[in-house]
Amino acid sequence: MEVFFYGLFMDGNILRKNGIRPSNPRKGHLDDYALKIGNRASLIPCKNERSYGIVMSIDKDAVHNLYAEASVADYIPEEVNIVTNTNESIAAICYNLPAESLTGANELYAISLYQLAKKEGFPEDYLEKIKKMAKTTSNKK
């Protein structure tokens, strides 16, 4: 199945450490969703926003097992349409937290996500949004 990751699960090494063998990774974006970072990341419907991530082919059972873990068990699968960097349109599943469940602040997560997004070469304006979330998070302490 095609899964769109936008948080730290974009890192294939993290997935492999969880026993998942992703294949066919493709960079892409999801329109009308904004990235929000609380204790973890989520995408929230928001007109005229764009979120970036990676679509990967992953075994359905492996994805279900991944999201059965307590720290991500509240994430809900949602069908989305991703546009890849090669302008291909892909139907994928994206796991998101309900907005009311997006709480807390996690500076280390935000910093790690910024570093990963930068490594992946996401647009500068998107990187700046993540960097601001990391700073906002650190100011809440």
N, C-alpha and C. Protein backbone atom coordinates (compact mmCIF):
# COMPACT_ATOMS: atom_id res chain seq x y z
N MET A 1 0.83 -1.17 0.00
CA MET A 1 0.00 0.00 0.00
C MET A 1 0.88 1.24 0.00
N GLU A 2 0.36 2.33 -0.54
CA GLU A 2 1.11 3.59 -0.59
C GLU A 2 0.78 4.39 0.66
N VAL A 3 1.83 4.81 1.38
CA VAL A 3 1.66 5.58 2.60
C VAL A 3 2.46 6.87 2.49
N PHE A 4 1.83 7.99 2.87
CA PHE A 4 2.49 9.29 2.85
C PHE A 4 2.94 9.63 4.27
N PHE A 5 4.25 9.76 4.44
CA PHE A 5 4.83 10.14 5.72
C PHE A 5 5.33 11.57 5.65
N TYR A 6 5.10 12.34 6.70
CA TYR A 6 5.47 13.76 6.74
C TYR A 6 6.27 14.10 8.00
N GLY A 7 6.37 13.14 8.91
CA GLY A 7 7.12 13.34 10.16
C GLY A 7 8.38 12.51 10.12
N LEU A 8 8.85 12.09 11.29
CA LEU A 8 10.11 11.37 11.35
C LEU A 8 10.05 10.00 10.69
N PHE A 9 8.84 9.47 10.46
CA PHE A 9 8.75 8.19 9.74
C PHE A 9 9.17 8.33 8.27
N MET A 10 9.43 9.56 7.80
CA MET A 10 9.98 9.73 6.45
C MET A 10 11.36 9.09 6.36
N ASP A 11 12.01 8.93 7.49
CA ASP A 11 13.35 8.35 7.55
C ASP A 11 13.24 6.83 7.44
N GLY A 12 13.65 6.31 6.30
CA GLY A 12 13.59 4.87 6.07
C GLY A 12 14.32 4.06 7.13
N ASN A 13 15.38 4.63 7.72
CA ASN A 13 16.12 3.93 8.77
C ASN A 13 15.26 3.71 10.01
N ILE A 14 14.44 4.69 10.35
CA ILE A 14 13.53 4.54 11.50
C ILE A 14 12.53 3.43 11.22
N LEU A 15 12.00 3.41 9.99
CA LEU A 15 11.04 2.36 9.63
C LEU A 15 11.70 0.98 9.70
N ARG A 16 12.92 0.88 9.16
CA ARG A 16 13.62 -0.41 9.18
C ARG A 16 13.88 -0.88 10.61
N LYS A 17 14.19 0.06 11.52
CA LYS A 17 14.38 -0.30 12.93
C LYS A 17 13.10 -0.83 13.54
N ASN A 18 11.96 -0.47 12.96
CA ASN A 18 10.66 -0.96 13.41
C ASN A 18 10.22 -2.20 12.63
N GLY A 19 11.16 -2.78 11.86
CA GLY A 19 10.86 -4.02 11.14
C GLY A 19 10.11 -3.82 9.84
N ILE A 20 10.10 -2.59 9.33
CA ILE A 20 9.37 -2.29 8.08
C ILE A 20 10.37 -2.10 6.95
N ARG A 21 10.05 -2.67 5.81
CA ARG A 21 10.91 -2.53 4.64
C ARG A 21 10.20 -1.69 3.59
N PRO A 22 10.38 -0.35 3.68
CA PRO A 22 9.72 0.51 2.69
C PRO A 22 10.40 0.37 1.32
N SER A 23 9.61 0.60 0.28
CA SER A 23 10.18 0.59 -1.07
C SER A 23 9.59 1.73 -1.87
N ASN A 24 10.24 2.04 -2.97
CA ASN A 24 9.78 3.04 -3.91
C ASN A 24 9.49 4.40 -3.26
N PRO A 25 10.44 4.96 -2.50
CA PRO A 25 10.20 6.27 -1.89
C PRO A 25 10.17 7.39 -2.93
N ARG A 26 9.18 8.27 -2.81
CA ARG A 26 9.05 9.40 -3.72
C ARG A 26 8.67 10.64 -2.91
N LYS A 27 9.40 11.74 -3.13
CA LYS A 27 9.06 13.00 -2.48
C LYS A 27 7.77 13.54 -3.10
N GLY A 28 6.98 14.20 -2.26
CA GLY A 28 5.76 14.78 -2.77
C GLY A 28 5.16 15.76 -1.79
N HIS A 29 3.99 16.26 -2.16
CA HIS A 29 3.31 17.20 -1.27
C HIS A 29 1.81 16.93 -1.25
N LEU A 30 1.19 17.44 -0.20
CA LEU A 30 -0.24 17.32 0.01
C LEU A 30 -0.78 18.74 0.16
N ASP A 31 -1.67 19.12 -0.74
CA ASP A 31 -2.24 20.47 -0.69
C ASP A 31 -3.38 20.54 0.31
N ASP A 32 -3.59 21.74 0.83
CA ASP A 32 -4.67 22.07 1.76
C ASP A 32 -4.55 21.37 3.11
N TYR A 33 -3.31 21.08 3.50
CA TYR A 33 -3.01 20.55 4.83
C TYR A 33 -1.79 21.30 5.36
N ALA A 34 -1.83 21.63 6.66
CA ALA A 34 -0.71 22.31 7.31
C ALA A 34 -0.08 21.37 8.34
N LEU A 35 1.22 21.41 8.40
CA LEU A 35 1.96 20.65 9.41
C LEU A 35 1.84 21.35 10.75
N LYS A 36 1.53 20.58 11.78
CA LYS A 36 1.51 21.09 13.16
C LYS A 36 2.33 20.13 14.01
N ILE A 37 3.05 20.69 14.95
CA ILE A 37 3.86 19.86 15.84
C ILE A 37 3.45 20.12 17.28
N GLY A 38 3.02 19.04 17.93
CA GLY A 38 2.75 19.05 19.37
C GLY A 38 3.78 18.11 19.98
N ASN A 39 3.31 17.09 20.69
CA ASN A 39 4.24 16.06 21.15
C ASN A 39 4.79 15.30 19.95
N ARG A 40 3.98 15.21 18.89
CA ARG A 40 4.39 14.60 17.62
C ARG A 40 3.84 15.48 16.51
N ALA A 41 4.06 15.09 15.27
CA ALA A 41 3.58 15.87 14.13
C ALA A 41 2.24 15.34 13.65
N SER A 42 1.47 16.22 13.03
CA SER A 42 0.23 15.84 12.37
C SER A 42 -0.03 16.84 11.26
N LEU A 43 -0.85 16.43 10.31
CA LEU A 43 -1.30 17.34 9.26
C LEU A 43 -2.75 17.68 9.55
N ILE A 44 -3.05 18.96 9.50
CA ILE A 44 -4.38 19.48 9.80
C ILE A 44 -4.93 20.13 8.54
N PRO A 45 -6.18 19.81 8.16
CA PRO A 45 -6.76 20.46 6.98
C PRO A 45 -6.68 21.98 7.11
N CYS A 46 -6.17 22.63 6.08
CA CYS A 46 -6.00 24.08 6.10
C CYS A 46 -5.87 24.57 4.66
N LYS A 47 -6.88 25.30 4.20
CA LYS A 47 -6.89 25.79 2.81
C LYS A 47 -5.62 26.58 2.49
N ASN A 48 -5.15 26.41 1.28
CA ASN A 48 -4.02 27.14 0.72
C ASN A 48 -2.68 26.86 1.41
N GLU A 49 -2.62 25.78 2.16
CA GLU A 49 -1.35 25.34 2.75
C GLU A 49 -0.85 24.14 1.97
N ARG A 50 0.42 23.83 2.14
CA ARG A 50 1.02 22.67 1.48
C ARG A 50 2.00 22.02 2.44
N SER A 51 1.90 20.71 2.57
CA SER A 51 2.81 19.95 3.41
C SER A 51 3.59 18.97 2.56
N TYR A 52 4.83 18.78 2.93
CA TYR A 52 5.74 17.92 2.17
C TYR A 52 6.06 16.65 2.93
N GLY A 53 6.37 15.62 2.17
CA GLY A 53 6.74 14.35 2.77
C GLY A 53 7.19 13.36 1.73
N ILE A 54 7.12 12.09 2.10
CA ILE A 54 7.58 11.01 1.22
C ILE A 54 6.52 9.93 1.17
N VAL A 55 6.18 9.52 -0.05
CA VAL A 55 5.27 8.40 -0.27
C VAL A 55 6.14 7.15 -0.39
N MET A 56 5.74 6.09 0.30
CA MET A 56 6.47 4.82 0.23
C MET A 56 5.49 3.68 0.07
N SER A 57 5.94 2.63 -0.58
CA SER A 57 5.15 1.41 -0.66
C SER A 57 5.53 0.55 0.55
N ILE A 58 4.51 0.17 1.33
CA ILE A 58 4.74 -0.58 2.56
C ILE A 58 3.67 -1.64 2.70
N ASP A 59 4.06 -2.79 3.22
CA ASP A 59 3.13 -3.87 3.48
C ASP A 59 2.03 -3.39 4.44
N LYS A 60 0.79 -3.69 4.11
CA LYS A 60 -0.37 -3.23 4.88
C LYS A 60 -0.29 -3.66 6.35
N ASP A 61 0.06 -4.91 6.60
CA ASP A 61 0.16 -5.40 7.98
C ASP A 61 1.26 -4.67 8.75
N ALA A 62 2.36 -4.36 8.07
CA ALA A 62 3.46 -3.66 8.72
C ALA A 62 3.04 -2.25 9.14
N VAL A 63 2.27 -1.58 8.29
CA VAL A 63 1.78 -0.24 8.63
C VAL A 63 0.83 -0.31 9.83
N HIS A 64 -0.07 -1.28 9.82
CA HIS A 64 -1.00 -1.44 10.94
C HIS A 64 -0.24 -1.70 12.24
N ASN A 65 0.81 -2.51 12.18
CA ASN A 65 1.62 -2.79 13.37
C ASN A 65 2.36 -1.54 13.85
N LEU A 66 2.86 -0.75 12.90
CA LEU A 66 3.57 0.48 13.23
C LEU A 66 2.65 1.42 14.02
N TYR A 67 1.43 1.60 13.53
CA TYR A 67 0.51 2.54 14.17
C TYR A 67 -0.27 1.91 15.33
N ALA A 68 0.05 0.68 15.68
CA ALA A 68 -0.53 0.06 16.87
C ALA A 68 0.29 0.41 18.11
N GLU A 69 1.52 0.91 17.90
CA GLU A 69 2.38 1.29 19.02
C GLU A 69 1.71 2.42 19.80
N ALA A 70 1.81 2.39 21.11
CA ALA A 70 1.11 3.32 21.99
C ALA A 70 1.33 4.80 21.63
N SER A 71 2.55 5.18 21.27
CA SER A 71 2.84 6.60 21.03
C SER A 71 2.18 7.15 19.77
N VAL A 72 1.73 6.27 18.88
CA VAL A 72 1.09 6.73 17.63
C VAL A 72 -0.28 6.07 17.41
N ALA A 73 -0.79 5.39 18.42
CA ALA A 73 -2.05 4.64 18.28
C ALA A 73 -3.26 5.53 18.03
N ASP A 74 -3.18 6.82 18.38
CA ASP A 74 -4.31 7.73 18.16
C ASP A 74 -4.39 8.26 16.73
N TYR A 75 -3.39 7.96 15.92
CA TYR A 75 -3.40 8.43 14.54
C TYR A 75 -4.45 7.67 13.74
N ILE A 76 -5.12 8.39 12.86
CA ILE A 76 -6.22 7.82 12.08
C ILE A 76 -5.82 7.82 10.60
N PRO A 77 -6.00 6.69 9.89
CA PRO A 77 -5.68 6.67 8.47
C PRO A 77 -6.69 7.47 7.66
N GLU A 78 -6.17 8.16 6.68
CA GLU A 78 -6.99 9.02 5.84
C GLU A 78 -6.52 8.88 4.40
N GLU A 79 -7.44 8.77 3.47
CA GLU A 79 -7.07 8.71 2.06
C GLU A 79 -6.77 10.11 1.56
N VAL A 80 -5.63 10.26 0.90
CA VAL A 80 -5.21 11.55 0.37
C VAL A 80 -4.67 11.37 -1.05
N ASN A 81 -4.52 12.48 -1.73
CA ASN A 81 -3.96 12.48 -3.07
C ASN A 81 -2.66 13.28 -3.04
N ILE A 82 -1.55 12.59 -3.27
CA ILE A 82 -0.23 13.20 -3.21
C ILE A 82 0.25 13.52 -4.62
N VAL A 83 0.90 14.67 -4.76
CA VAL A 83 1.54 15.02 -6.03
C VAL A 83 3.04 14.89 -5.81
N THR A 84 3.68 14.02 -6.59
CA THR A 84 5.12 13.79 -6.42
C THR A 84 5.91 14.89 -7.10
N ASN A 85 7.23 14.88 -6.84
CA ASN A 85 8.12 15.86 -7.48
C ASN A 85 8.15 15.71 -8.99
N THR A 86 7.74 14.55 -9.50
CA THR A 86 7.69 14.34 -10.95
C THR A 86 6.28 14.61 -11.49
N ASN A 87 5.45 15.24 -10.65
CA ASN A 87 4.08 15.63 -11.00
C ASN A 87 3.13 14.46 -11.20
N GLU A 88 3.46 13.31 -10.62
CA GLU A 88 2.58 12.15 -10.65
C GLU A 88 1.58 12.27 -9.50
N SER A 89 0.34 11.93 -9.75
CA SER A 89 -0.68 11.95 -8.72
C SER A 89 -0.84 10.53 -8.16
N ILE A 90 -0.73 10.41 -6.83
CA ILE A 90 -0.78 9.10 -6.19
C ILE A 90 -1.80 9.09 -5.06
N ALA A 91 -2.70 8.11 -5.09
CA ALA A 91 -3.61 7.90 -3.97
C ALA A 91 -2.82 7.19 -2.88
N ALA A 92 -2.88 7.72 -1.67
CA ALA A 92 -2.10 7.16 -0.57
C ALA A 92 -2.89 7.27 0.73
N ILE A 93 -2.40 6.57 1.73
CA ILE A 93 -2.94 6.68 3.08
C ILE A 93 -1.99 7.57 3.88
N CYS A 94 -2.57 8.47 4.65
CA CYS A 94 -1.80 9.37 5.50
C CYS A 94 -2.40 9.26 6.90
N TYR A 95 -1.56 9.02 7.89
CA TYR A 95 -2.02 8.90 9.26
C TYR A 95 -1.90 10.25 9.96
N ASN A 96 -3.03 10.72 10.51
CA ASN A 96 -3.07 12.01 11.19
C ASN A 96 -3.75 11.90 12.54
N LEU A 97 -3.34 12.79 13.43
CA LEU A 97 -4.01 12.92 14.72
C LEU A 97 -5.23 13.80 14.55
N PRO A 98 -6.31 13.50 15.22
CA PRO A 98 -7.42 14.45 15.26
C PRO A 98 -6.91 15.75 15.89
N ALA A 99 -7.36 16.90 15.41
CA ALA A 99 -6.85 18.19 15.88
C ALA A 99 -6.91 18.32 17.39
N GLU A 100 -7.98 17.81 18.01
CA GLU A 100 -8.11 17.93 19.47
C GLU A 100 -7.09 17.07 20.23
N SER A 101 -6.47 16.13 19.55
CA SER A 101 -5.46 15.28 20.18
C SER A 101 -4.04 15.82 20.02
N LEU A 102 -3.90 16.88 19.24
CA LEU A 102 -2.57 17.46 18.98
C LEU A 102 -2.24 18.42 20.12
N THR A 103 -1.56 17.90 21.12
CA THR A 103 -1.27 18.68 22.32
C THR A 103 0.22 18.63 22.63
N GLY A 104 0.60 19.43 23.61
CA GLY A 104 1.96 19.41 24.08
C GLY A 104 2.93 20.13 23.16
N ALA A 105 4.19 19.95 23.44
CA ALA A 105 5.25 20.57 22.67
C ALA A 105 6.48 19.66 22.75
N ASN A 106 7.19 19.53 21.65
CA ASN A 106 8.33 18.64 21.62
C ASN A 106 9.43 19.27 20.77
N GLU A 107 10.28 20.04 21.42
CA GLU A 107 11.34 20.76 20.72
C GLU A 107 12.29 19.81 19.99
N LEU A 108 12.67 18.71 20.63
CA LEU A 108 13.60 17.77 19.99
C LEU A 108 12.99 17.17 18.73
N TYR A 109 11.69 16.86 18.78
CA TYR A 109 11.02 16.32 17.59
C TYR A 109 11.06 17.36 16.47
N ALA A 110 10.71 18.60 16.79
CA ALA A 110 10.70 19.66 15.78
C ALA A 110 12.08 19.87 15.16
N ILE A 111 13.10 19.86 15.99
CA ILE A 111 14.47 20.03 15.48
C ILE A 111 14.86 18.85 14.59
N SER A 112 14.56 17.63 15.04
CA SER A 112 14.87 16.44 14.24
C SER A 112 14.12 16.46 12.91
N LEU A 113 12.86 16.89 12.95
CA LEU A 113 12.08 16.96 11.71
C LEU A 113 12.65 18.02 10.77
N TYR A 114 13.07 19.15 11.31
CA TYR A 114 13.70 20.18 10.49
C TYR A 114 14.95 19.63 9.79
N GLN A 115 15.78 18.93 10.55
CA GLN A 115 17.02 18.38 9.97
C GLN A 115 16.71 17.36 8.88
N LEU A 116 15.71 16.52 9.10
CA LEU A 116 15.33 15.51 8.11
C LEU A 116 14.75 16.18 6.86
N ALA A 117 13.87 17.16 7.05
CA ALA A 117 13.25 17.86 5.92
C ALA A 117 14.31 18.60 5.10
N LYS A 118 15.29 19.17 5.79
CA LYS A 118 16.39 19.86 5.09
C LYS A 118 17.20 18.85 4.27
N LYS A 119 17.50 17.71 4.88
CA LYS A 119 18.25 16.65 4.18
C LYS A 119 17.50 16.18 2.94
N GLU A 120 16.17 16.13 3.04
CA GLU A 120 15.34 15.69 1.91
C GLU A 120 15.20 16.76 0.83
N GLY A 121 15.63 17.98 1.14
CA GLY A 121 15.60 19.05 0.15
C GLY A 121 14.24 19.68 -0.06
N PHE A 122 13.43 19.71 1.01
CA PHE A 122 12.13 20.35 0.89
C PHE A 122 12.31 21.86 0.73
N PRO A 123 11.31 22.55 0.19
CA PRO A 123 11.45 24.00 -0.08
C PRO A 123 11.81 24.82 1.17
N GLU A 124 12.55 25.87 0.93
CA GLU A 124 13.04 26.72 2.02
C GLU A 124 11.92 27.31 2.87
N ASP A 125 10.82 27.72 2.24
CA ASP A 125 9.73 28.31 3.04
C ASP A 125 9.11 27.27 3.98
N TYR A 126 9.08 26.01 3.56
CA TYR A 126 8.56 24.95 4.40
C TYR A 126 9.53 24.68 5.56
N LEU A 127 10.82 24.68 5.27
CA LEU A 127 11.82 24.49 6.31
C LEU A 127 11.72 25.60 7.35
N GLU A 128 11.46 26.83 6.90
CA GLU A 128 11.33 27.95 7.83
C GLU A 128 10.14 27.77 8.76
N LYS A 129 9.04 27.23 8.25
CA LYS A 129 7.87 26.96 9.09
C LYS A 129 8.21 25.96 10.19
N ILE A 130 8.94 24.92 9.82
CA ILE A 130 9.33 23.92 10.81
C ILE A 130 10.28 24.54 11.83
N LYS A 131 11.22 25.34 11.37
CA LYS A 131 12.18 25.99 12.27
C LYS A 131 11.43 26.89 13.26
N LYS A 132 10.43 27.62 12.79
CA LYS A 132 9.64 28.48 13.68
C LYS A 132 8.89 27.66 14.71
N MET A 133 8.37 26.49 14.30
CA MET A 133 7.68 25.62 15.26
C MET A 133 8.65 25.14 16.34
N ALA A 134 9.88 24.85 15.96
CA ALA A 134 10.88 24.41 16.94
C ALA A 134 11.18 25.54 17.92
N LYS A 135 11.28 26.78 17.43
CA LYS A 135 11.55 27.92 18.31
C LYS A 135 10.35 28.21 19.20
N THR A 136 9.15 28.13 18.63
CA THR A 136 7.93 28.35 19.43
C THR A 136 7.85 27.33 20.54
N THR A 137 8.17 26.09 20.19
CA THR A 137 8.13 25.00 21.17
C THR A 137 9.12 25.28 22.30
N SER A 138 10.33 25.73 21.97
CA SER A 138 11.34 25.96 23.00
C SER A 138 10.97 27.17 23.87
N ASN A 139 10.21 28.12 23.32
CA ASN A 139 9.77 29.29 24.10
C ASN A 139 8.67 28.95 25.09
N LYS A 140 7.97 27.80 24.88
CA LYS A 140 6.89 27.39 25.77
C LYS A 140 7.39 26.75 27.05
N LYS A 141 8.67 26.45 27.08
CA LYS A 141 9.23 25.76 28.27
C LYS A 141 9.39 26.71 29.43
